[in-house]
């Protein structure tokens, strides 16, 4: 899924898989049903359509819709900034999305700092991705990480527009849509940086596909039979996917990388995601003491947590990307102004109190911030 990091687009695999599915899906199903009578059935057209969501480099499969840079900024702060930073600079684990390109790159379609001999210490997504469909398709399929496929087409357009604006590819008043996306593709900094010199396409010299693995990395070839328990939001075995980050110059963001050659210092994430319903059930007596003892008020808190993706970064008892809700309550329980203080942190964000991963400012009203802060204060023992 990271093939565009190697100079070729993610959609190559998507094209191959789509062709295989469309050619043999029904036949395979019928053969399976014959072999195991009474088990299963042929998938219906609507069911197949639900999986057929790929967007190809020629924008085939792209749904109609539109989203502005401003709309994307609001969505980004609520659902993306906690991992990727308000300006695409990302955290100490994730690499930056925007930066590293100049106006000349947008004219030539080839990022100069990626050419052989260039001394580029850090590479961003917009430096590498050659097709805008790849970016749109990946956001549509996989983001946000705690609720993939939850964004509407208009929201995907908006988030993509905001990323493009961070890279100075489109202006602040731009609206990306199914009718404007083709023109934007022609200004993508690395649109001419794609290569077909790999096993999935005919070799330009030999004229045929070379029989070798498309993925050459060694990390995926270790401990293949070992049963792995995911115990952090980024598993220890994947921490160095982008190299040793603490030795890399984070010229495109304010934070330096973590020491990815070592496991995380804290085993911080449970095996399963924390759902709002789990949080609601975790401390009902505390919720009652806070004055949120009626079902409507409790549901309102849960709705706010889900709407603003709070549970993507905060667990009830366990640290995820950010501290646990109960840990926050414990830290500030002695403050007379705890609710006001936490309300301000929710609204304004911050960095450094709980580590170097920033807490982005949240797009909530004063009343909503106070409601969430009061709920958190109620969790203190």
Protein backbone atom coordinates (compact mmCIF):
# COMPACT_ATOMS: atom_id res chain seq x y z
CA UNK A 1 0.00 0.00 0.00
CA UNK A 2 3.00 2.29 0.07
CA UNK A 3 4.04 1.80 -3.55
CA UNK A 4 3.88 5.48 -4.36
CA UNK A 5 6.68 5.99 -1.85
CA UNK A 6 8.85 4.05 -4.28
CA UNK A 7 7.95 6.14 -7.31
CA UNK A 8 4.88 4.24 -8.43
CA UNK A 9 1.25 4.74 -7.51
CA UNK A 10 -0.85 2.78 -5.09
CA UNK A 11 -3.48 2.43 -7.78
CA UNK A 12 -1.32 -0.04 -9.71
CA UNK A 13 -2.35 -2.73 -7.23
CA UNK A 14 -5.90 -1.42 -7.33
CA UNK A 15 -6.06 -1.73 -11.12
CA UNK A 16 -4.77 -5.28 -11.00
CA UNK A 17 -7.17 -6.32 -8.26
CA UNK A 18 -10.14 -4.61 -9.93
CA UNK A 19 -9.46 -6.44 -13.19
CA UNK A 20 -9.13 -9.77 -11.41
CA UNK A 21 -12.32 -9.25 -9.45
CA UNK A 22 -14.41 -8.13 -12.41
CA UNK A 23 -13.18 -11.03 -14.57
CA UNK A 24 -13.46 -13.89 -12.16
CA UNK A 25 -15.56 -12.97 -9.13
CA UNK A 26 -18.84 -14.46 -10.27
CA UNK A 27 -17.17 -17.56 -11.73
CA UNK A 28 -15.26 -18.18 -8.50
CA UNK A 29 -18.39 -17.79 -6.43
CA UNK A 30 -20.30 -20.27 -8.58
CA UNK A 31 -17.47 -22.81 -8.34
CA UNK A 32 -17.38 -22.40 -4.55
CA UNK A 33 -21.12 -22.90 -4.26
CA UNK A 34 -20.86 -26.06 -6.40
CA UNK A 35 -18.08 -27.42 -4.20
CA UNK A 36 -19.85 -26.57 -0.94
CA UNK A 37 -23.59 -26.84 -1.67
CA UNK A 38 -25.83 -24.99 0.75
CA UNK A 39 -23.05 -22.68 1.90
CA UNK A 40 -22.95 -19.12 0.65
CA UNK A 41 -24.54 -17.48 -2.35
CA UNK A 42 -23.58 -15.36 -5.34
CA UNK A 43 -22.95 -11.75 -4.36
CA UNK A 44 -25.56 -9.32 -5.63
CA UNK A 45 -24.79 -6.41 -7.91
CA UNK A 46 -25.24 -3.86 -5.06
CA UNK A 47 -22.86 -5.85 -2.87
CA UNK A 48 -20.19 -5.92 -5.57
CA UNK A 49 -20.75 -2.22 -6.22
CA UNK A 50 -20.07 -1.46 -2.56
CA UNK A 51 -16.54 -2.85 -2.99
CA UNK A 52 -15.96 -1.30 -6.39
CA UNK A 53 -14.87 2.11 -5.09
CA UNK A 54 -11.41 2.51 -6.61
CA UNK A 55 -10.55 5.76 -8.37
CA UNK A 56 -8.09 5.28 -11.20
CA UNK A 57 -5.41 7.62 -12.61
CA UNK A 58 -7.78 8.65 -15.42
CA UNK A 59 -10.34 9.43 -12.68
CA UNK A 60 -12.61 6.58 -13.70
CA UNK A 61 -14.72 5.76 -10.66
CA UNK A 62 -14.51 9.28 -9.23
CA UNK A 63 -17.87 10.24 -7.73
CA UNK A 64 -19.45 13.64 -8.26
CA UNK A 65 -18.98 16.16 -5.50
CA UNK A 66 -17.08 19.22 -4.36
CA UNK A 67 -15.29 20.56 -1.31
CA UNK A 68 -13.51 23.82 -0.58
CA UNK A 69 -10.18 24.45 1.10
CA UNK A 70 -11.98 26.16 3.98
CA UNK A 71 -14.30 23.19 4.51
CA UNK A 72 -11.29 20.90 4.40
CA UNK A 73 -9.49 22.93 7.06
CA UNK A 74 -12.40 22.49 9.49
CA UNK A 75 -12.50 18.73 8.83
CA UNK A 76 -8.73 18.49 9.08
CA UNK A 77 -8.58 20.10 12.52
CA UNK A 78 -11.35 17.83 13.80
CA UNK A 79 -10.26 14.49 12.35
CA UNK A 80 -6.75 14.66 10.88
CA UNK A 81 -4.52 17.12 12.72
CA UNK A 82 -3.97 14.95 15.78
CA UNK A 83 -1.77 12.62 13.71
CA UNK A 84 -0.80 14.76 10.73
CA UNK A 85 -0.41 18.20 12.33
CA UNK A 86 -2.41 21.33 11.56
CA UNK A 87 -0.16 22.12 8.61
CA UNK A 88 0.69 18.61 7.45
CA UNK A 89 3.93 18.59 9.46
CA UNK A 90 2.84 15.39 11.26
CA UNK A 91 3.94 13.97 14.59
CA UNK A 92 7.20 12.36 15.71
CA UNK A 93 6.20 9.07 14.06
CA UNK A 94 4.33 9.99 10.91
CA UNK A 95 6.21 11.72 8.13
CA UNK A 96 5.02 15.11 6.80
CA UNK A 97 2.38 15.34 4.09
CA UNK A 98 3.10 18.81 2.69
CA UNK A 99 6.30 20.74 2.03
CA UNK A 100 9.50 20.29 0.07
CA UNK A 101 8.19 21.47 -3.31
CA UNK A 102 8.68 24.76 -5.14
CA UNK A 103 6.95 26.60 -7.97
CA UNK A 104 9.42 25.21 -10.52
CA UNK A 105 8.38 21.66 -9.60
CA UNK A 106 4.75 22.46 -10.36
CA UNK A 107 5.79 23.71 -13.79
CA UNK A 108 7.96 20.74 -14.74
CA UNK A 109 5.99 18.04 -12.95
CA UNK A 110 9.17 16.58 -11.48
CA UNK A 111 10.32 17.41 -7.96
CA UNK A 112 13.90 18.56 -8.36
CA UNK A 113 14.96 17.47 -4.87
CA UNK A 114 14.02 13.85 -5.68
CA UNK A 115 16.30 13.61 -8.72
CA UNK A 116 19.51 11.51 -8.46
CA UNK A 117 22.23 13.34 -6.59
CA UNK A 118 19.88 15.61 -4.66
CA UNK A 119 20.51 15.81 -0.94
CA UNK A 120 16.95 15.70 0.37
CA UNK A 121 16.85 14.63 4.03
CA UNK A 122 13.10 14.26 4.17
CA UNK A 123 10.34 13.43 1.72
CA UNK A 124 6.71 14.40 1.98
CA UNK A 125 3.61 12.90 0.40
CA UNK A 126 3.15 15.80 -2.03
CA UNK A 127 6.78 15.45 -3.12
CA UNK A 128 6.24 11.84 -4.14
CA UNK A 129 2.67 11.17 -5.25
CA UNK A 130 2.37 11.42 -9.06
CA UNK A 131 -1.41 11.06 -9.42
CA UNK A 132 -4.06 13.04 -7.57
CA UNK A 133 -6.41 10.08 -7.83
CA UNK A 134 -4.07 8.15 -5.52
CA UNK A 135 -4.41 10.77 -2.80
CA UNK A 136 -8.19 11.05 -3.19
CA UNK A 137 -8.63 7.27 -3.32
CA UNK A 138 -6.53 6.60 -0.22
CA UNK A 139 -8.31 9.22 1.89
CA UNK A 140 -11.65 7.84 0.73
CA UNK A 141 -10.73 4.24 1.60
CA UNK A 142 -8.65 4.53 4.73
CA UNK A 143 -9.16 7.83 6.56
CA UNK A 144 -9.68 8.70 9.31
CA UNK A 145 -7.89 5.68 10.72
CA UNK A 146 -10.44 5.09 13.47
CA UNK A 147 -13.39 5.29 11.08
CA UNK A 148 -12.31 4.47 7.50
CA UNK A 149 -14.83 5.09 4.72
CA UNK A 150 -16.83 7.37 6.99
CA UNK A 151 -16.16 10.53 4.95
CA UNK A 152 -18.64 11.56 2.29
CA UNK A 153 -17.35 12.31 -1.24
CA UNK A 154 -17.73 16.05 -0.58
CA UNK A 155 -15.64 15.70 2.59
CA UNK A 156 -12.94 13.78 0.74
CA UNK A 157 -12.82 16.54 -1.87
CA UNK A 158 -12.54 19.12 0.93
CA UNK A 159 -9.73 17.35 2.80
CA UNK A 160 -7.85 16.77 -0.46
CA UNK A 161 -8.27 20.45 -1.33
CA UNK A 162 -6.80 21.46 2.04
CA UNK A 163 -3.78 19.19 1.54
CA UNK A 164 -3.24 20.69 -1.91
CA UNK A 165 -3.44 24.17 -0.42
CA UNK A 166 -0.84 23.26 2.21
CA UNK A 167 1.44 22.41 -0.71
CA UNK A 168 0.71 25.74 -2.48
CA UNK A 169 -0.87 23.83 -5.34
CA UNK A 170 -4.29 25.51 -5.08
CA UNK A 171 -5.27 28.89 -3.54
CA UNK A 172 -7.16 29.36 -0.28
CA UNK A 173 -10.45 30.10 -2.05
CA UNK A 174 -10.30 27.03 -4.28
CA UNK A 175 -13.02 24.39 -4.51
CA UNK A 176 -11.94 20.92 -5.66
CA UNK A 177 -14.57 18.92 -7.51
CA UNK A 178 -15.01 16.17 -10.06
CA UNK A 179 -14.89 18.87 -12.76
CA UNK A 180 -11.78 20.73 -11.49
CA UNK A 181 -9.64 17.80 -10.36
CA UNK A 182 -8.24 17.06 -13.84
CA UNK A 183 -6.84 20.57 -14.18
CA UNK A 184 -5.25 20.32 -10.73
CA UNK A 185 -3.60 17.02 -11.75
CA UNK A 186 -1.69 18.97 -14.39
CA UNK A 187 -0.06 21.10 -11.68
CA UNK A 188 0.89 18.29 -9.29
CA UNK A 189 4.63 18.71 -8.46
CA UNK A 190 5.63 15.11 -9.19
CA UNK A 191 3.10 14.21 -11.91
CA UNK A 192 5.91 13.21 -14.26
CA UNK A 193 7.82 11.28 -11.61
CA UNK A 194 6.08 7.95 -12.05
CA UNK A 195 8.02 4.93 -13.27
CA UNK A 196 6.83 1.68 -14.78
CA UNK A 197 10.16 -0.07 -14.21
CA UNK A 198 8.83 -2.71 -11.86
CA UNK A 199 7.29 -6.13 -12.02
CA UNK A 200 3.68 -5.08 -12.37
CA UNK A 201 4.11 -3.50 -15.81
CA UNK A 202 6.08 -4.50 -18.92
CA UNK A 203 9.73 -3.58 -18.65
CA UNK A 204 10.55 -0.68 -21.05
CA UNK A 205 13.60 -2.59 -22.32
CA UNK A 206 12.59 -6.25 -22.15
CA UNK A 207 8.99 -5.56 -23.12
CA UNK A 208 7.56 -7.98 -20.58
CA UNK A 209 6.89 -8.10 -16.86
CA UNK A 210 9.99 -9.14 -14.92
CA UNK A 211 9.17 -12.03 -12.56
CA UNK A 212 10.27 -10.50 -9.25
CA UNK A 213 8.43 -9.35 -6.12
CA UNK A 214 6.91 -5.90 -6.37
CA UNK A 215 7.69 -5.24 -2.71
CA UNK A 216 11.41 -5.45 -1.93
CA UNK A 217 11.44 -4.44 1.75
CA UNK A 218 12.94 -6.86 4.27
CA UNK A 219 10.78 -5.89 7.26
CA UNK A 220 7.82 -7.93 6.02
CA UNK A 221 9.98 -11.05 5.68
CA UNK A 222 10.82 -11.34 9.41
CA UNK A 223 8.96 -13.55 11.88
CA UNK A 224 6.39 -14.54 9.27
CA UNK A 225 4.96 -17.32 11.42
CA UNK A 226 5.07 -15.34 14.64
CA UNK A 227 1.69 -14.32 16.02
CA UNK A 228 1.80 -10.58 16.55
CA UNK A 229 -0.39 -8.74 19.05
CA UNK A 230 -0.92 -5.12 18.11
CA UNK A 231 -0.25 -3.16 21.30
CA UNK A 232 0.27 0.40 20.16
CA UNK A 233 -1.35 2.73 17.68
CA UNK A 234 1.73 2.10 15.56
CA UNK A 235 3.02 -1.45 16.24
CA UNK A 236 6.64 -1.68 17.34
CA UNK A 237 7.56 -3.78 14.32
CA UNK A 238 6.40 -0.94 12.04
CA UNK A 239 8.00 1.97 13.90
CA UNK A 240 10.95 2.21 11.53
CA UNK A 241 8.92 2.02 8.33
CA UNK A 242 10.31 5.43 7.32
CA UNK A 243 13.83 4.90 8.62
CA UNK A 244 15.48 6.16 11.79
CA UNK A 245 13.43 9.30 12.35
CA UNK A 246 15.40 10.82 15.22
CA UNK A 247 18.44 11.22 12.97
CA UNK A 248 16.49 12.82 10.17
CA UNK A 249 16.25 16.56 9.87
CA UNK A 250 12.61 17.54 10.35
CA UNK A 251 13.00 20.63 8.21
CA UNK A 252 9.34 20.56 7.19
CA UNK A 253 7.84 20.37 10.67
CA UNK A 254 8.61 21.58 14.19
CA UNK A 255 9.12 18.18 15.82
CA UNK A 256 11.97 15.74 15.53
CA UNK A 257 11.39 12.05 15.03
CA UNK A 258 11.33 9.33 17.65
CA UNK A 259 14.04 6.68 18.04
CA UNK A 260 12.37 4.13 15.80
CA UNK A 261 15.15 1.58 16.17
CA UNK A 262 13.80 0.82 19.64
CA UNK A 263 10.33 -0.32 20.75
CA UNK A 264 8.03 2.30 22.12
CA UNK A 265 8.91 3.14 25.71
CA UNK A 266 5.29 2.59 26.72
CA UNK A 267 2.94 -0.18 25.75
CA UNK A 268 0.18 2.32 25.40
CA UNK A 269 -2.70 0.97 23.38
CA UNK A 270 -5.15 -1.86 24.02
CA UNK A 271 -5.76 -4.52 21.41
CA UNK A 272 -9.16 -3.15 20.47
CA UNK A 273 -10.30 0.34 19.67
CA UNK A 274 -12.08 2.35 22.36
CA UNK A 275 -15.66 3.03 21.40
CA UNK A 276 -17.84 5.78 22.85
CA UNK A 277 -20.20 3.14 24.21
CA UNK A 278 -17.30 1.64 26.18
CA UNK A 279 -16.47 5.03 27.64
CA UNK A 280 -20.10 5.68 28.53
CA UNK A 281 -20.21 2.41 30.49
CA UNK A 282 -16.85 2.87 32.19
CA UNK A 283 -17.82 5.17 35.04
CA UNK A 284 -21.59 5.70 35.25
CA UNK A 285 -21.40 6.72 38.91
CA UNK A 286 -18.90 9.44 38.04
CA UNK A 287 -21.09 10.71 35.23
CA UNK A 288 -23.98 10.90 37.69
CA UNK A 289 -21.93 12.98 40.14
CA UNK A 290 -21.01 15.39 37.36
CA UNK A 291 -24.61 16.28 36.70
CA UNK A 292 -24.65 14.34 33.45
CA UNK A 293 -26.88 11.68 34.92
CA UNK A 294 -29.67 11.78 32.39
CA UNK A 295 -29.50 9.72 29.22
CA UNK A 296 -29.73 12.73 26.93
CA UNK A 297 -26.80 14.56 28.51
CA UNK A 298 -24.64 11.44 28.59
CA UNK A 299 -25.46 10.72 24.95
CA UNK A 300 -24.52 14.31 24.08
CA UNK A 301 -21.04 13.80 25.55
CA UNK A 302 -20.61 10.55 23.65
CA UNK A 303 -21.72 12.27 20.45
CA UNK A 304 -19.16 15.04 20.95
CA UNK A 305 -16.39 12.51 21.57
CA UNK A 306 -17.25 10.67 18.37
CA UNK A 307 -17.90 13.75 16.24
CA UNK A 308 -14.53 15.28 17.08
CA UNK A 309 -12.62 11.96 16.90
CA UNK A 310 -11.56 12.27 20.57
CA UNK A 311 -11.54 8.48 21.00
CA UNK A 312 -9.05 8.15 18.15
CA UNK A 313 -6.38 9.58 20.45
CA UNK A 314 -7.70 9.11 24.00
CA UNK A 315 -8.76 5.96 25.81
CA UNK A 316 -10.63 5.77 29.11
CA UNK A 317 -7.90 4.06 31.18
CA UNK A 318 -5.09 3.68 28.66
CA UNK A 319 -2.94 6.14 26.76
CA UNK A 320 -3.31 6.07 22.98
CA UNK A 321 -1.83 8.89 20.91
CA UNK A 322 -2.71 11.21 23.80
CA UNK A 323 -3.27 10.63 27.51
CA UNK A 324 -6.18 8.63 28.92
CA UNK A 325 -9.27 10.57 29.99
CA UNK A 326 -8.85 9.33 33.57
CA UNK A 327 -5.19 10.37 33.61
CA UNK A 328 -6.18 13.88 32.57
CA UNK A 329 -8.80 13.99 35.33
CA UNK A 330 -6.28 12.73 37.90
CA UNK A 331 -3.66 15.30 36.89
CA UNK A 332 -5.94 18.30 37.28
CA UNK A 333 -8.33 17.20 40.03
CA UNK A 334 -6.66 19.42 42.63
CA UNK A 335 -7.10 22.57 40.56
CA UNK A 336 -10.03 24.72 41.55
CA UNK A 337 -10.28 25.88 37.94
CA UNK A 338 -9.92 22.39 36.42
CA UNK A 339 -13.01 22.63 34.22
CA UNK A 340 -12.07 26.07 32.86
CA UNK A 341 -8.45 24.98 32.36
CA UNK A 342 -9.36 21.81 30.47
CA UNK A 343 -11.95 23.72 28.43
CA UNK A 344 -9.22 26.08 27.30
CA UNK A 345 -6.92 23.19 26.38
CA UNK A 346 -9.67 21.55 24.34
CA UNK A 347 -10.35 24.77 22.47
CA UNK A 348 -6.77 25.97 22.06
CA UNK A 349 -4.73 22.77 21.91
CA UNK A 350 -1.15 22.52 23.14
CA UNK A 351 2.06 20.53 23.19
CA UNK A 352 4.67 19.44 25.73
CA UNK A 353 2.57 18.66 28.81
CA UNK A 354 1.94 15.03 27.83
CA UNK A 355 4.75 14.55 25.30
CA UNK A 356 5.80 16.04 22.01
CA UNK A 357 2.79 14.93 19.94
CA UNK A 358 0.64 18.07 19.67
CA UNK A 359 -2.97 18.32 20.73
CA UNK A 360 -4.60 20.35 17.95
CA UNK A 361 -7.15 23.06 18.70
CA UNK A 362 -10.63 21.61 18.45
CA UNK A 363 -13.47 23.12 16.46
CA UNK A 364 -16.00 23.06 19.29
CA UNK A 365 -18.05 25.80 20.89
CA UNK A 366 -17.31 27.16 24.35
CA UNK A 367 -20.34 25.29 25.68
CA UNK A 368 -19.22 22.00 24.12
CA UNK A 369 -15.68 22.40 25.47
CA UNK A 370 -17.06 23.05 28.94
CA UNK A 371 -19.35 20.02 28.67
CA UNK A 372 -16.43 17.76 27.76
CA UNK A 373 -14.22 19.27 30.48
CA UNK A 374 -16.91 18.78 33.12
CA UNK A 375 -17.27 15.16 32.08
CA UNK A 376 -13.52 14.56 32.28
CA UNK A 377 -13.33 16.25 35.70
CA UNK A 378 -15.99 13.85 36.93
CA UNK A 379 -13.70 10.87 36.22
CA UNK A 380 -11.19 11.78 38.93
CA UNK A 381 -11.18 9.36 41.91
